[in-house]
Structure formats: C-alpha cells, structure tokens
C-alpha cells in the first residue's frame, strides 16, 4: 500500500529533489513535507522561526537543528499516522536523523526507505549558478552567464527574473561544502540501518523518476 510509504529524500543542492518529490507525491498519493516550503510559510506568516531560518538560508548555511525539528515534527503529526509522506530536505545532519528516528519509532511510524539522488559537483555548480526564479509566479529558469546582468522577462507571466542569494556563485560553493561536511554523514546512518537506496540524478526528469520507482521497488 502506497499509503504506508514513509520516505526521506536526499541529494546535494541542485540535484532536483523537489521535482522528484513532487512526482512521487502525485504518483503515489503521499504527503510532501519540504523544509523549504515550511521555512517560506513561516517567513510569510512573520513567525520568529521563519525570520531566523532565512538568515541562515540566505548565506547558504544549514538552518540550526532546533529550528528545523520544531517545524518538521509538528508537520509530521498533522499528516496523521495512516498517511505516507516524503521528507524533502530533512534530516540534514546525523543528529537530526537520530532525533527523527526516535520520534517516529515512538509513534510507530518509522521510515521505510531513504533515497539519494546523486549528482556530480561540477554539474551542481553549473545548474545552481544559472538558476533564476520569477518574482511573480516563481517559475524556474536556467540562464546563461551572459544573461545574468539583464535577465529576460518570465515567459509565463512577464514577471521579473531574479537569482536567490543562496544561488549566487559564492553561496553555491558554501552550500555544496556544507552538504559534503554535514549532510553526507546522514547517509551513513541510513546505510547502516539498511534503508538507503541510491540513484543517479543526471538525465531527463522522467528517467530519474523511473530510477527512483525501481530503487523503491514500485515500478511494477
């Protein structure tokens, strides 16, 4: 039953985790719990947690564990024990993984799998360095270096394109370094527990999704 799937999705910044999470959500009927969405929601609502999280995100740094755990655990409870979910962007440290494992075990809803979407570093830098968003509709774009100073208007709504602070070249290098130093060890935690599945994040979106379903043994 897909409703019992409780999955943690991993990958370095720029790996396309959000896109794959959306496809898995729609295809399997799961709740998508994204820390990025939670952070933005708190910021839009003017909560102190959102403001604090943004200070770290804009520098390409990880949000401290206590802030993330407070938001994510509350969301998991809202989903309900009878529904499956995909965690996108959490846990990002071994400490978070241990805390999450403890809480979910106490509620008798442990994770059943962890999936890594892996992409080489040179490809990540290329993807993130040219990533822009529309201020109006949030549509994503990949621009060439010569377009950075004067981005074209959004082809969907005509809105202004901008680059997030954490997608600027200097922040990109920080983000990748933080991932390698702090997030990668989380994979060992799930590997040790026999939950980790790994797929390549290079290729067409549909191909990557097919790899994910195969790795999760859901392609039949």
Protein backbone atom coordinates (compact mmCIF):
# COMPACT_ATOMS: atom_id res chain seq x y z
CA UNK A 1 0.00 0.00 0.00
CA UNK A 2 1.49 3.32 -1.03
CA UNK A 3 -0.17 4.98 1.97
CA UNK A 4 2.34 3.24 4.23
CA UNK A 5 5.39 4.63 2.39
CA UNK A 6 7.42 6.91 4.63
CA UNK A 7 10.41 8.15 2.69
CA UNK A 8 13.32 10.51 3.29
CA UNK A 9 14.65 12.04 0.05
CA UNK A 10 18.28 13.16 -0.17
CA UNK A 11 20.65 14.84 -2.58
CA UNK A 12 23.01 17.83 -2.80
CA UNK A 13 21.65 21.31 -3.59
CA UNK A 14 20.64 21.42 -7.24
CA UNK A 15 20.08 17.65 -7.53
CA UNK A 16 16.37 18.06 -8.31
CA UNK A 17 14.98 16.62 -5.08
CA UNK A 18 11.96 18.91 -5.16
CA UNK A 19 10.98 17.85 -8.68
CA UNK A 20 11.28 14.15 -7.87
CA UNK A 21 9.41 14.62 -4.60
CA UNK A 22 6.52 16.21 -6.49
CA UNK A 23 6.39 13.33 -8.99
CA UNK A 24 6.45 10.75 -6.20
CA UNK A 25 3.80 12.68 -4.29
CA UNK A 26 1.45 12.78 -7.26
CA UNK A 27 2.16 9.25 -8.42
CA UNK A 28 1.93 7.56 -5.03
CA UNK A 29 -0.53 9.79 -3.20
CA UNK A 30 1.89 10.84 -0.45
CA UNK A 31 2.18 13.99 1.63
CA UNK A 32 5.19 16.10 0.61
CA UNK A 33 6.94 17.64 3.61
CA UNK A 34 9.53 20.13 2.37
CA UNK A 35 11.62 22.08 4.82
CA UNK A 36 11.98 24.79 2.19
CA UNK A 37 8.19 25.15 1.99
CA UNK A 38 7.91 25.15 5.78
CA UNK A 39 10.57 27.86 6.07
CA UNK A 40 8.84 30.04 3.46
CA UNK A 41 5.46 29.53 5.10
CA UNK A 42 6.81 30.62 8.48
CA UNK A 43 8.52 33.61 6.88
CA UNK A 44 5.35 34.70 5.05
CA UNK A 45 3.41 34.40 8.29
CA UNK A 46 6.01 36.55 10.04
CA UNK A 47 6.95 33.96 12.64
CA UNK A 48 10.21 34.26 14.52
CA UNK A 49 11.22 30.79 13.32
CA UNK A 50 10.87 31.86 9.69
CA UNK A 51 12.92 35.02 10.15
CA UNK A 52 15.70 33.13 11.91
CA UNK A 53 15.74 30.40 9.25
CA UNK A 54 16.05 32.96 6.43
CA UNK A 55 19.17 34.46 7.98
CA UNK A 56 20.95 31.13 7.56
CA UNK A 57 19.44 30.16 4.19
CA UNK A 58 20.49 33.44 2.55
CA UNK A 59 24.11 32.66 3.42
CA UNK A 60 23.89 29.15 2.01
CA UNK A 61 24.13 27.67 5.51
CA UNK A 62 22.04 24.98 7.15
CA UNK A 63 19.29 26.08 9.50
CA UNK A 64 20.09 25.01 13.10
CA UNK A 65 18.65 21.68 14.21
CA UNK A 66 16.31 23.04 16.88
CA UNK A 67 14.55 25.32 14.39
CA UNK A 68 14.13 22.62 11.77
CA UNK A 69 13.00 19.90 14.16
CA UNK A 70 10.36 22.16 15.73
CA UNK A 71 8.76 22.84 12.34
CA UNK A 72 9.09 19.37 10.80
CA UNK A 73 7.88 17.31 13.74
CA UNK A 74 4.76 19.44 14.02
CA UNK A 75 4.04 18.90 10.31
CA UNK A 76 4.51 15.13 10.56
CA UNK A 77 1.95 14.99 13.37
CA UNK A 78 -0.52 16.94 11.20
CA UNK A 79 -0.17 14.42 8.36
CA UNK A 80 -1.54 11.61 10.53
CA UNK A 81 -0.28 8.10 11.26
CA UNK A 82 -2.32 6.45 8.50
CA UNK A 83 -0.83 8.54 5.68
CA UNK A 84 2.52 8.11 3.94
CA UNK A 85 4.89 11.01 3.44
CA UNK A 86 8.07 12.17 1.71
CA UNK A 87 10.58 14.19 3.72
CA UNK A 88 12.36 16.61 1.37
CA UNK A 89 15.31 18.45 2.91
CA UNK A 90 15.19 16.74 6.30
CA UNK A 91 17.08 15.32 8.11
CA UNK A 92 20.27 17.12 7.06
CA UNK A 93 22.54 16.15 9.95
CA UNK A 94 23.12 12.88 11.76
CA UNK A 95 21.76 14.49 14.92
CA UNK A 96 18.52 15.32 13.12
CA UNK A 97 18.33 11.77 11.76
CA UNK A 98 18.71 10.29 15.22
CA UNK A 99 16.08 12.65 16.65
CA UNK A 100 13.67 11.90 13.81
CA UNK A 101 14.19 8.15 14.15
CA UNK A 102 13.43 8.32 17.86
CA UNK A 103 10.21 10.30 17.45
CA UNK A 104 8.90 8.16 14.58
CA UNK A 105 9.68 4.94 16.44
CA UNK A 106 7.79 6.25 19.47
CA UNK A 107 4.78 6.92 17.21
CA UNK A 108 5.19 3.50 15.50
CA UNK A 109 5.57 5.14 12.07
CA UNK A 110 9.27 4.61 11.23
CA UNK A 111 10.75 5.47 7.85
CA UNK A 112 10.69 2.55 5.41
CA UNK A 113 13.26 3.92 2.98
CA UNK A 114 15.79 6.67 2.26
CA UNK A 115 16.55 7.67 -1.34
CA UNK A 116 19.65 9.54 -2.53
CA UNK A 117 19.53 11.45 -5.85
CA UNK A 118 23.23 11.89 -6.58
CA UNK A 119 24.76 14.44 -8.99
CA UNK A 120 28.47 15.23 -9.64
CA UNK A 121 29.75 18.51 -8.15
CA UNK A 122 30.64 20.15 -11.48
CA UNK A 123 27.08 19.59 -12.70
CA UNK A 124 25.67 21.05 -9.48
CA UNK A 125 27.69 24.26 -9.83
CA UNK A 126 26.52 24.61 -13.44
CA UNK A 127 22.87 24.10 -12.52
CA UNK A 128 22.75 26.37 -9.48
CA UNK A 129 24.89 29.18 -10.84
CA UNK A 130 22.40 29.79 -13.65
CA UNK A 131 19.18 29.26 -11.70
CA UNK A 132 16.74 32.19 -11.64
CA UNK A 133 13.12 32.49 -10.47
CA UNK A 134 10.20 34.69 -11.47
CA UNK A 135 9.23 37.08 -8.67
CA UNK A 136 5.56 36.82 -9.60
CA UNK A 137 4.84 33.16 -10.36
CA UNK A 138 8.05 31.52 -9.04
CA UNK A 139 8.67 29.74 -12.37
CA UNK A 140 12.29 28.44 -12.51
CA UNK A 141 14.75 29.27 -15.30
CA UNK A 142 18.31 28.27 -16.18
CA UNK A 143 20.13 31.24 -17.73
CA UNK A 144 23.47 31.55 -19.48
CA UNK A 145 26.20 33.70 -17.83
CA UNK A 146 25.75 36.50 -20.38
CA UNK A 147 22.09 36.85 -19.28
CA UNK A 148 22.82 37.28 -15.58
CA UNK A 149 23.07 41.08 -15.54
CA UNK A 150 19.93 41.65 -17.64
CA UNK A 151 17.64 38.64 -17.30
CA UNK A 152 14.75 38.35 -19.80
CA UNK A 153 11.16 38.59 -18.52
CA UNK A 154 9.29 35.48 -17.44
CA UNK A 155 7.85 33.70 -20.48
CA UNK A 156 4.79 32.67 -18.47
CA UNK A 157 3.64 35.90 -16.84
CA UNK A 158 6.12 38.57 -17.91
CA UNK A 159 7.42 38.97 -14.37
CA UNK A 160 10.94 39.92 -13.34
CA UNK A 161 13.52 37.14 -13.02
CA UNK A 162 15.89 37.18 -10.05
CA UNK A 163 18.56 34.99 -8.51
CA UNK A 164 18.20 33.88 -4.90
CA UNK A 165 21.00 34.92 -2.59
CA UNK A 166 21.86 31.29 -1.91
CA UNK A 167 22.14 30.56 -5.67
CA UNK A 168 24.87 33.15 -6.25
CA UNK A 169 28.28 31.59 -7.09
CA UNK A 170 29.89 32.31 -3.72
CA UNK A 171 26.90 30.90 -1.82
CA UNK A 172 26.71 27.85 -4.10
CA UNK A 173 30.23 26.79 -3.13
CA UNK A 174 29.33 27.22 0.54
CA UNK A 175 26.15 25.17 0.14
CA UNK A 176 27.96 22.29 -1.55
CA UNK A 177 30.69 22.37 1.09
CA UNK A 178 28.14 22.36 3.90
CA UNK A 179 26.33 19.42 2.30
CA UNK A 180 29.52 17.39 1.97
CA UNK A 181 30.66 18.15 5.51
CA UNK A 182 27.38 17.91 7.42
CA UNK A 183 24.67 16.27 5.35
CA UNK A 184 26.55 13.41 3.69
CA UNK A 185 27.20 11.66 7.06
CA UNK A 186 23.41 11.25 7.40
CA UNK A 187 23.58 8.82 4.51
CA UNK A 188 25.82 6.56 6.57
CA UNK A 189 23.15 6.49 9.28
CA UNK A 190 20.55 5.16 6.85
CA UNK A 191 23.05 2.92 5.09
CA UNK A 192 23.91 1.32 8.43
CA UNK A 193 20.20 0.71 9.00
CA UNK A 194 19.74 -0.85 5.57
CA UNK A 195 17.33 1.84 4.33
CA UNK A 196 19.44 3.76 1.79
CA UNK A 197 18.81 3.48 -1.96
CA UNK A 198 20.99 5.45 -4.43
CA UNK A 199 20.20 6.65 -7.97
CA UNK A 200 21.81 9.00 -10.49
CA UNK A 201 20.22 12.44 -10.75
CA UNK A 202 21.65 13.11 -14.22
CA UNK A 203 19.31 12.78 -17.19
CA UNK A 204 15.71 13.53 -18.12
CA UNK A 205 13.25 14.05 -15.27
CA UNK A 206 11.19 11.05 -16.35
CA UNK A 207 14.28 8.82 -16.44
CA UNK A 208 15.27 9.85 -12.92
CA UNK A 209 11.74 9.21 -11.67
CA UNK A 210 11.79 5.73 -13.24
CA UNK A 211 15.07 5.02 -11.42
CA UNK A 212 13.50 6.17 -8.16
CA UNK A 213 10.49 3.89 -8.53
CA UNK A 214 12.74 0.97 -9.44
CA UNK A 215 15.01 1.61 -6.44
CA UNK A 216 11.94 1.73 -4.19
CA UNK A 217 10.60 -1.40 -5.90
CA UNK A 218 7.47 0.46 -7.01
CA UNK A 219 7.92 0.22 -10.80
CA UNK A 220 5.65 -2.75 -11.33
